[in-house]
C-alpha atoms as a PDB file:
ATOM      1  CA  MET A   1      10.351 -11.706   6.878  1.00  0.00           C
ATOM      2  CA  LEU A   2      10.256 -10.926   3.154  1.00  0.00           C
ATOM      3  CA  VAL A   3      11.964 -12.812   0.392  1.00  0.00           C
ATOM      4  CA  GLY A   4      13.662 -11.258  -2.585  1.00  0.00           C
ATOM      5  CA  LEU A   5      11.926 -10.642  -5.882  1.00  0.00           C
ATOM      6  CA  ALA A   6      13.616 -13.691  -7.369  1.00  0.00           C
ATOM      7  CA  ALA A   7      11.317 -15.825  -5.237  1.00  0.00           C
ATOM      8  CA  ALA A   8       8.216 -13.923  -6.309  1.00  0.00           C
ATOM      9  CA  ALA A   9       5.772 -15.567  -8.651  1.00  0.00           C
ATOM     10  CA  PRO A  10       6.158 -14.837 -12.343  1.00  0.00           C
ATOM     11  CA  ALA A  11       4.043 -12.018 -13.680  1.00  0.00           C
ATOM     12  CA  PRO A  12       0.539 -13.191 -14.533  1.00  0.00           C
ATOM     13  CA  ALA A  13      -0.821 -13.043 -18.043  1.00  0.00           C
ATOM     14  CA  VAL A  14      -2.531  -9.787 -18.886  1.00  0.00           C
ATOM     15  CA  ARG A  15      -5.664  -9.156 -20.879  1.00  0.00           C
ATOM     16  CA  ALA A  16      -6.517  -5.647 -21.964  1.00  0.00           C
ATOM     17  CA  GLY A  17      -8.668  -3.799 -19.436  1.00  0.00           C
ATOM     18  CA  GLU A  18      -8.473  -6.494 -16.739  1.00  0.00           C
ATOM     19  CA  PRO A  19      -6.753  -5.891 -13.390  1.00  0.00           C
ATOM     20  CA  VAL A  20      -3.616  -7.833 -12.551  1.00  0.00           C
ATOM     21  CA  ASP A  21      -2.935  -8.704  -8.905  1.00  0.00           C
ATOM     22  CA  LEU A  22       0.546  -7.457  -7.959  1.00  0.00           C
ATOM     23  CA  THR A  23       0.146  -7.878  -4.198  1.00  0.00           C
ATOM     24  CA  GLU A  24       2.691 -10.652  -3.686  1.00  0.00           C
ATOM     25  CA  ARG A  25       5.242  -9.029  -5.986  1.00  0.00           C
ATOM     26  CA  VAL A  26       4.985  -5.776  -4.012  1.00  0.00           C
ATOM     27  CA  ARG A  27       5.170  -7.625  -0.677  1.00  0.00           C
ATOM     28  CA  ALA A  28       8.370  -9.286  -1.897  1.00  0.00           C
ATOM     29  CA  ARG A  29      10.037  -5.877  -2.277  1.00  0.00           C
ATOM     30  CA  PRO A  30      11.487  -4.694   1.072  1.00  0.00           C
ATOM     31  CA  ASP A  31      11.872  -1.139  -0.284  1.00  0.00           C
ATOM     32  CA  LEU A  32       8.156  -0.860  -1.058  1.00  0.00           C
ATOM     33  CA  VAL A  33       7.010  -2.481   2.187  1.00  0.00           C
ATOM     34  CA  GLY A  34       9.466  -0.209   4.020  1.00  0.00           C
ATOM     35  CA  ALA A  35       7.906   2.851   2.395  1.00  0.00           C
ATOM     36  CA  LEU A  36       4.496   1.789   3.746  1.00  0.00           C
ATOM     37  CA  GLU A  37       5.940   1.167   7.208  1.00  0.00           C
ATOM     38  CA  ASN A  38       7.684   4.574   7.164  1.00  0.00           C
ATOM     39  CA  ALA A  39       4.435   6.279   6.203  1.00  0.00           C
ATOM     40  CA  CYS A  40       2.717   4.586   9.140  1.00  0.00           C
ATOM     41  CA  ALA A  41       5.533   5.655  11.458  1.00  0.00           C
ATOM     42  CA  ARG A  42       4.781   9.265  10.436  1.00  0.00           C
ATOM     43  CA  VAL A  43       0.991   9.231  10.686  1.00  0.00           C
ATOM     44  CA  CYS A  44      -0.157   6.273  12.791  1.00  0.00           C
ATOM     45  CA  GLN A  45      -0.732   6.711  16.521  1.00  0.00           C
ATOM     46  CA  GLY A  46       0.177   4.568  19.536  1.00  0.00           C
ATOM     47  CA  ASN A  47       3.025   2.438  20.769  1.00  0.00           C
ATOM     48  CA  ARG A  48       1.914  -0.636  18.805  1.00  0.00           C
ATOM     49  CA  ARG A  49       1.062   0.893  15.455  1.00  0.00           C
ATOM     50  CA  ALA A  50       1.513  -1.175  12.315  1.00  0.00           C
ATOM     51  CA  ALA A  51       0.934  -1.074   8.568  1.00  0.00           C
ATOM     52  CA  ARG A  52      -0.233  -3.980   6.434  1.00  0.00           C
ATOM     53  CA  LEU A  53      -0.438  -4.103   2.659  1.00  0.00           C
ATOM     54  CA  GLU A  54      -3.691  -5.779   1.684  1.00  0.00           C
ATOM     55  CA  ARG A  55      -3.870  -5.521  -2.093  1.00  0.00           C
ATOM     56  CA  VAL A  56      -2.231  -3.948  -5.146  1.00  0.00           C
ATOM     57  CA  THR A  57      -3.703  -4.237  -8.634  1.00  0.00           C
ATOM     58  CA  ALA A  58      -2.777  -2.724 -11.982  1.00  0.00           C
ATOM     59  CA  VAL A  59      -4.687  -2.297 -15.222  1.00  0.00           C
ATOM     60  CA  PRO A  60      -2.844  -1.586 -18.477  1.00  0.00           C
ATOM     61  CA  LEU A  61      -3.872   1.714 -20.037  1.00  0.00           C
ATOM     62  CA  GLY A  62      -1.630   1.393 -23.084  1.00  0.00           C
ATOM     63  CA  ASP A  63       1.530   3.169 -24.142  1.00  0.00           C
ATOM     64  CA  GLY A  64       3.405   1.921 -21.067  1.00  0.00           C
ATOM     65  CA  ARG A  65       0.985   3.435 -18.547  1.00  0.00           C
ATOM     66  CA  TRP A  66      -0.772   1.464 -15.810  1.00  0.00           C
ATOM     67  CA  ARG A  67      -3.639   2.362 -13.481  1.00  0.00           C
ATOM     68  CA  VAL A  68      -2.438   1.162 -10.072  1.00  0.00           C
ATOM     69  CA  GLU A  69      -4.702   0.782  -7.036  1.00  0.00           C
ATOM     70  CA  GLY A  70      -3.607  -0.204  -3.577  1.00  0.00           C
ATOM     71  CA  LEU A  71      -5.255  -0.939  -0.261  1.00  0.00           C
ATOM     72  CA  ALA A  72      -3.424  -0.805   3.061  1.00  0.00           C
ATOM     73  CA  ALA A  73      -4.493  -1.083   6.681  1.00  0.00           C
ATOM     74  CA  LEU A  74      -2.958   1.327   9.203  1.00  0.00           C
ATOM     75  CA  ARG A  75      -3.428   0.045  12.731  1.00  0.00           C
ATOM     76  CA  ASN A  76      -3.414   2.649  15.492  1.00  0.00           C
ATOM     77  CA  ARG A  77      -2.993   0.958  18.856  1.00  0.00           C
ATOM     78  CA  HIS A  78      -1.745   1.994  22.268  1.00  0.00           C
ATOM     79  CA  VAL A  79      -1.271  -0.480  25.120  1.00  0.00           C
ATOM     80  CA  GLN A  80      -0.349   0.588  28.639  1.00  0.00           C
ATOM     81  CA  THR A  81       0.870  -1.612  31.474  1.00  0.00           C
ATOM     82  CA  VAL A  82      -1.404  -1.278  34.497  1.00  0.00           C
ATOM     83  CA  PRO A  83       0.523  -0.397  37.673  1.00  0.00           C
ATOM     84  CA  ALA A  84       0.518  -3.172  40.295  1.00  0.00           C
ATOM     85  CA  GLY A  85      -2.435  -2.977  42.652  1.00  0.00           C
ATOM     86  CA  LEU A  86      -4.537  -0.652  40.476  1.00  0.00           C
ATOM     87  CA  GLY A  87      -8.033  -2.091  40.526  1.00  0.00           C
ATOM     88  CA  GLY A  88      -6.737  -5.414  41.768  1.00  0.00           C
ATOM     89  CA  LEU A  89      -4.884  -6.054  38.487  1.00  0.00           C
ATOM     90  CA  VAL A  90      -1.267  -7.188  38.559  1.00  0.00           C
ATOM     91  CA  ASP A  91       1.020  -7.236  35.519  1.00  0.00           C
ATOM     92  CA  ARG A  92      -1.856  -6.682  33.097  1.00  0.00           C
ATOM     93  CA  GLU A  93      -2.066  -4.487  30.063  1.00  0.00           C
ATOM     94  CA  LEU A  94      -4.819  -2.088  29.179  1.00  0.00           C
ATOM     95  CA  THR A  95      -5.525  -1.204  25.552  1.00  0.00           C
ATOM     96  CA  LEU A  96      -6.273   2.509  25.444  1.00  0.00           C
ATOM     97  CA  PHE A  97      -7.220   2.535  21.780  1.00  0.00           C
ATOM     98  CA  ASP A  98      -7.115   0.119  18.876  1.00  0.00           C
ATOM     99  CA  HIS A  99      -8.563   0.971  15.495  1.00  0.00           C
ATOM    100  CA  THR A 100      -7.553   0.378  11.919  1.00  0.00           C
ATOM    101  CA  VAL A 101      -7.813   2.929   9.137  1.00  0.00           C
ATOM    102  CA  ARG A 102      -8.049   1.451   5.657  1.00  0.00           C
ATOM    103  CA  VAL A 103      -6.349   3.548   2.978  1.00  0.00           C
ATOM    104  CA  ARG A 104      -7.109   3.182  -0.720  1.00  0.00           C
ATOM    105  CA  GLY A 105      -4.823   4.884  -3.173  1.00  0.00           C
ATOM    106  CA  ARG A 106      -4.996   5.191  -6.943  1.00  0.00           C
ATOM    107  CA  GLY A 107      -2.553   6.510  -9.479  1.00  0.00           C
ATOM    108  CA  THR A 108      -0.948   6.126 -12.881  1.00  0.00           C
ATOM    109  CA  LEU A 109       2.439   4.447 -13.186  1.00  0.00           C
ATOM    110  CA  ASP A 110       4.561   5.044 -16.266  1.00  0.00           C
ATOM    111  CA  ARG A 111       6.733   2.013 -17.044  1.00  0.00           C
ATOM    112  CA  ARG A 112       9.437   3.998 -18.880  1.00  0.00           C
ATOM    113  CA  SER A 113      10.078   6.600 -16.165  1.00  0.00           C
ATOM    114  CA  CYS A 114       8.829   4.504 -13.203  1.00  0.00           C
ATOM    115  CA  LEU A 115       6.997   7.604 -11.967  1.00  0.00           C
ATOM    116  CA  LEU A 116       3.715   7.114 -10.119  1.00  0.00           C
ATOM    117  CA  LEU A 117       1.289  10.049 -10.171  1.00  0.00           C
ATOM    118  CA  VAL A 118      -1.006   9.847  -7.130  1.00  0.00           C
ATOM    119  CA  GLU A 119      -4.554  10.650  -8.241  1.00  0.00           C
ATOM    120  CA  ALA A 120      -6.677   9.754  -5.207  1.00  0.00           C
ATOM    121  CA  VAL A 121      -6.341   8.762  -1.558  1.00  0.00           C
ATOM    122  CA  GLU A 122      -9.438   7.661   0.376  1.00  0.00           C
ATOM    123  CA  LEU A 123      -9.694   6.574   4.000  1.00  0.00           C
ATOM    124  CA  ASP A 124     -12.334   4.560   5.852  1.00  0.00           C
ATOM    125  CA  ARG A 125     -12.963   4.988   9.585  1.00  0.00           C
ATOM    126  CA  ASP A 126     -10.608   7.879  10.210  1.00  0.00           C
ATOM    127  CA  PRO A 127     -11.254   9.162  13.765  1.00  0.00           C
ATOM    128  CA  LEU A 128      -7.761  10.682  14.042  1.00  0.00           C
ATOM    129  CA  GLY A 129      -7.993  12.774  10.895  1.00  0.00           C
ATOM    130  CA  LEU A 130      -5.236  11.009   8.980  1.00  0.00           C
ATOM    131  CA  SER A 131      -6.939  12.053   5.753  1.00  0.00           C
ATOM    132  CA  ARG A 132      -5.606  15.584   6.303  1.00  0.00           C
ATOM    133  CA  LEU A 133      -2.061  14.232   6.344  1.00  0.00           C
ATOM    134  CA  LEU A 134      -2.382  11.696   3.538  1.00  0.00           C
ATOM    135  CA  GLY A 135      -4.557  13.889   1.327  1.00  0.00           C
ATOM    136  CA  GLY A 136      -1.484  15.995   0.570  1.00  0.00           C
ATOM    137  CA  GLU A 137      -0.152  13.109  -1.531  1.00  0.00           C
ATOM    138  CA  VAL A 138      -2.701  13.696  -4.297  1.00  0.00           C
ATOM    139  CA  GLY A 139      -0.957  15.218  -7.297  1.00  0.00           C
ATOM    140  CA  LYS A 140       2.541  14.176  -6.184  1.00  0.00           C
ATOM    141  CA  ARG A 141       4.854  12.011  -8.241  1.00  0.00           C
ATOM    142  CA  HIS A 142       6.904   9.230  -6.678  1.00  0.00           C
ATOM    143  CA  ARG A 143       9.628   7.150  -8.287  1.00  0.00           C
ATOM    144  CA  VAL A 144       9.020   3.407  -7.965  1.00  0.00           C
ATOM    145  CA  ALA A 145      12.458   1.854  -8.274  1.00  0.00           C
ATOM    146  CA  ARG A 146      12.636  -1.061 -10.720  1.00  0.00           C
ATOM    147  CA  CYS A 147       8.920  -0.805 -11.513  1.00  0.00           C
ATOM    148  CA  GLU A 148       9.396  -2.960 -14.609  1.00  0.00           C
ATOM    149  CA  GLU A 149      10.011  -5.926 -12.262  1.00  0.00           C
ATOM    150  CA  LEU A 150       6.530  -5.492 -10.821  1.00  0.00           C
ATOM    151  CA  LEU A 151       4.563  -5.076 -14.021  1.00  0.00           C
ATOM    152  CA  PRO A 152       3.798  -7.856 -16.481  1.00  0.00           C
ATOM    153  CA  ALA A 153       4.216  -7.337 -20.206  1.00  0.00           C
ATOM    154  CA  GLU A 154       1.442  -5.267 -21.683  1.00  0.00           C
ATOM    155  CA  PRO A 155      -1.163  -7.076 -23.738  1.00  0.00           C
ATOM    156  CA  ALA A 156      -0.652  -6.902 -27.464  1.00  0.00           C
ATOM    157  CA  ARG A 157      -2.699  -4.290 -29.202  1.00  0.00           C
ATOM    158  CA  PRO A 158      -5.274  -5.661 -31.585  1.00  0.00           C
ATOM    159  CA  PRO A 159      -4.409  -5.057 -35.233  1.00  0.00           C
ATOM    160  CA  PRO A 160      -6.111  -2.024 -36.763  1.00  0.00           C
ATOM    161  CA  ARG A 161      -9.348  -2.714 -38.562  1.00  0.00           C
ATOM    162  CA  PRO A 162      -9.337  -2.237 -42.346  1.00  0.00           C
END
Protein backbone atom coordinates (compact mmCIF):
# COMPACT_ATOMS: atom_id res chain seq x y z
CA MET A 1 0.00 0.00 0.00
CA LEU A 2 2.69 2.51 0.98
CA VAL A 3 6.03 3.02 -0.67
CA GLY A 4 9.27 3.68 1.12
CA LEU A 5 10.58 7.15 1.84
CA ALA A 6 13.02 6.85 -1.04
CA ALA A 7 10.07 7.20 -3.40
CA ALA A 8 8.72 10.24 -1.59
CA ALA A 9 9.01 13.62 -3.21
CA PRO A 10 11.99 15.75 -2.26
CA ALA A 11 11.42 18.22 0.52
CA PRO A 12 9.86 21.43 -0.76
CA ALA A 13 11.61 24.75 -0.49
CA VAL A 14 10.90 26.59 2.73
CA ARG A 15 10.31 30.27 3.32
CA ALA A 16 10.32 31.62 6.84
CA GLY A 17 6.87 31.59 8.44
CA GLU A 18 5.16 29.68 5.62
CA PRO A 19 3.71 26.19 6.11
CA VAL A 20 5.27 23.27 4.28
CA ASP A 21 3.02 20.37 3.24
CA LEU A 22 4.49 17.12 4.59
CA THR A 23 1.42 14.96 3.95
CA GLU A 24 2.90 12.70 1.27
CA ARG A 25 6.18 12.28 3.14
CA VAL A 26 4.29 11.18 6.26
CA ARG A 27 2.03 8.86 4.24
CA ALA A 28 5.15 7.24 2.80
CA ARG A 29 6.28 6.22 6.30
CA PRO A 30 4.62 2.93 7.37
CA ASP A 31 5.63 3.53 11.00
CA LEU A 32 3.77 6.84 11.15
CA VAL A 33 0.69 5.59 9.30
CA GLY A 34 0.75 2.53 11.58
CA ALA A 35 0.74 4.77 14.65
CA LEU A 36 -2.43 6.47 13.36
CA GLU A 37 -4.05 3.11 12.62
CA ASN A 38 -3.13 1.82 16.10
CA ALA A 39 -4.65 4.91 17.70
CA CYS A 40 -7.86 4.29 15.77
CA ALA A 41 -7.85 0.64 16.84
CA ARG A 42 -7.83 1.87 20.46
CA VAL A 43 -10.49 4.58 20.24
CA CYS A 44 -12.61 4.07 17.12
CA GLN A 45 -15.83 2.07 17.32
CA GLY A 46 -17.36 -0.59 15.06
CA ASN A 47 -16.28 -3.55 13.00
CA ARG A 48 -15.30 -1.43 9.99
CA ARG A 49 -13.44 1.41 11.66
CA ALA A 50 -10.63 3.12 9.79
CA ALA A 51 -8.18 6.01 10.07
CA ARG A 52 -7.13 8.29 7.24
CA LEU A 53 -4.40 10.92 7.31
CA GLU A 54 -5.67 14.02 5.54
CA ARG A 55 -2.96 16.62 6.00
CA VAL A 56 0.30 17.38 7.81
CA THR A 57 2.00 20.77 7.65
CA ALA A 58 5.02 22.26 9.38
CA VAL A 59 6.18 25.82 9.90
CA PRO A 60 9.79 26.56 10.87
CA LEU A 61 10.06 28.36 14.20
CA GLY A 62 13.84 28.65 14.15
CA ASP A 63 16.58 26.95 16.13
CA GLY A 64 15.57 23.52 14.80
CA ARG A 65 11.98 23.71 16.06
CA TRP A 66 8.91 23.25 13.86
CA ARG A 67 5.22 23.89 14.50
CA VAL A 68 3.52 20.75 13.17
CA GLU A 69 -0.22 20.48 12.52
CA GLY A 70 -2.05 17.39 11.39
CA LEU A 71 -5.57 16.47 10.40
CA ALA A 72 -6.89 12.91 10.44
CA ALA A 73 -10.30 11.35 9.91
CA LEU A 74 -11.38 8.54 12.25
CA ARG A 75 -14.25 6.59 10.75
CA ASN A 76 -16.51 4.77 13.20
CA ARG A 77 -18.65 2.25 11.35
CA HIS A 78 -20.49 -0.92 12.25
CA VAL A 79 -22.15 -3.15 9.65
CA GLN A 80 -24.28 -6.15 10.57
CA THR A 81 -25.47 -8.92 8.27
CA VAL A 82 -29.26 -9.18 8.33
CA PRO A 83 -30.46 -12.71 9.13
CA ALA A 84 -32.24 -14.42 6.22
CA GLY A 85 -35.96 -13.73 6.14
CA LEU A 86 -35.86 -10.72 8.48
CA GLY A 87 -38.07 -8.11 6.88
CA GLY A 88 -37.92 -9.90 3.56
CA LEU A 89 -34.19 -9.15 3.19
CA VAL A 90 -31.81 -11.94 2.22
CA ASP A 91 -28.02 -11.68 2.45
CA ARG A 92 -28.11 -7.92 3.00
CA GLU A 93 -26.11 -5.77 5.35
CA LEU A 94 -27.41 -3.12 7.66
CA THR A 95 -25.20 -0.21 8.71
CA LEU A 96 -25.88 0.42 12.38
CA PHE A 97 -23.73 3.54 12.56
CA ASP A 98 -21.30 5.36 10.32
CA HIS A 99 -19.75 8.66 11.29
CA THR A 100 -16.35 10.24 10.94
CA VAL A 101 -14.61 12.25 13.62
CA ARG A 102 -12.03 14.71 12.33
CA VAL A 103 -9.05 15.17 14.65
CA ARG A 104 -6.73 18.17 14.45
CA GLY A 105 -3.51 18.04 16.39
CA ARG A 106 -0.80 20.64 16.89
CA GLY A 107 2.61 20.45 18.46
CA THR A 108 6.25 21.46 18.34
CA LEU A 109 8.81 19.10 16.84
CA ASP A 110 12.48 19.51 17.71
CA ARG A 111 14.70 18.38 14.83
CA ARG A 112 17.70 17.53 17.03
CA SER A 113 15.89 15.27 19.51
CA CYS A 114 12.99 14.28 17.20
CA LEU A 115 10.64 14.85 20.14
CA LEU A 116 7.14 16.13 19.39
CA LEU A 117 5.38 17.99 22.21
CA VAL A 118 1.61 17.74 21.74
CA GLU A 119 0.07 21.15 22.43
CA ALA A 120 -3.54 20.77 21.27
CA VAL A 121 -6.00 18.13 20.10
CA GLU A 122 -9.40 19.21 18.75
CA LEU A 123 -12.22 17.03 17.45
CA ASP A 124 -15.20 17.82 15.22
CA ARG A 125 -18.46 15.86 15.41
CA ASP A 126 -17.60 13.66 18.37
CA PRO A 127 -20.80 11.83 19.43
CA LEU A 128 -18.83 9.00 21.09
CA GLY A 129 -16.76 11.23 23.34
CA LEU A 130 -13.39 10.40 21.81
CA SER A 131 -12.14 13.80 22.95
CA ARG A 132 -11.94 12.43 26.50
CA LEU A 133 -9.56 9.72 25.32
CA LEU A 134 -7.47 11.80 22.93
CA GLY A 135 -7.38 14.89 25.14
CA GLY A 136 -4.96 13.06 27.42
CA GLU A 137 -2.30 13.43 24.72
CA VAL A 138 -1.92 17.17 25.34
CA GLY A 139 1.38 17.81 27.10
CA LYS A 140 2.89 14.44 26.17
CA ARG A 141 6.11 14.03 24.23
CA HIS A 142 6.47 11.46 21.46
CA ARG A 143 9.61 10.45 19.61
CA VAL A 144 9.24 10.71 15.83
CA ALA A 145 11.83 8.31 14.46
CA ARG A 146 14.00 9.78 11.69
CA CYS A 147 12.16 13.10 11.82
CA GLU A 148 14.96 14.77 9.86
CA GLU A 149 13.80 12.77 6.80
CA LEU A 150 10.41 14.46 6.99
CA LEU A 151 11.51 18.04 7.49
CA PRO A 152 13.07 20.23 4.82
CA ALA A 153 16.12 22.35 5.56
CA GLU A 154 15.27 25.42 7.57
CA PRO A 155 15.25 28.73 5.76
CA ALA A 156 18.39 30.78 6.16
CA ARG A 157 18.17 33.47 8.77
CA PRO A 158 18.39 36.97 7.41
CA PRO A 159 21.66 38.70 8.26
CA PRO A 160 21.49 40.99 11.28
CA ARG A 161 20.78 44.62 10.54
CA PRO A 162 23.61 47.08 11.23
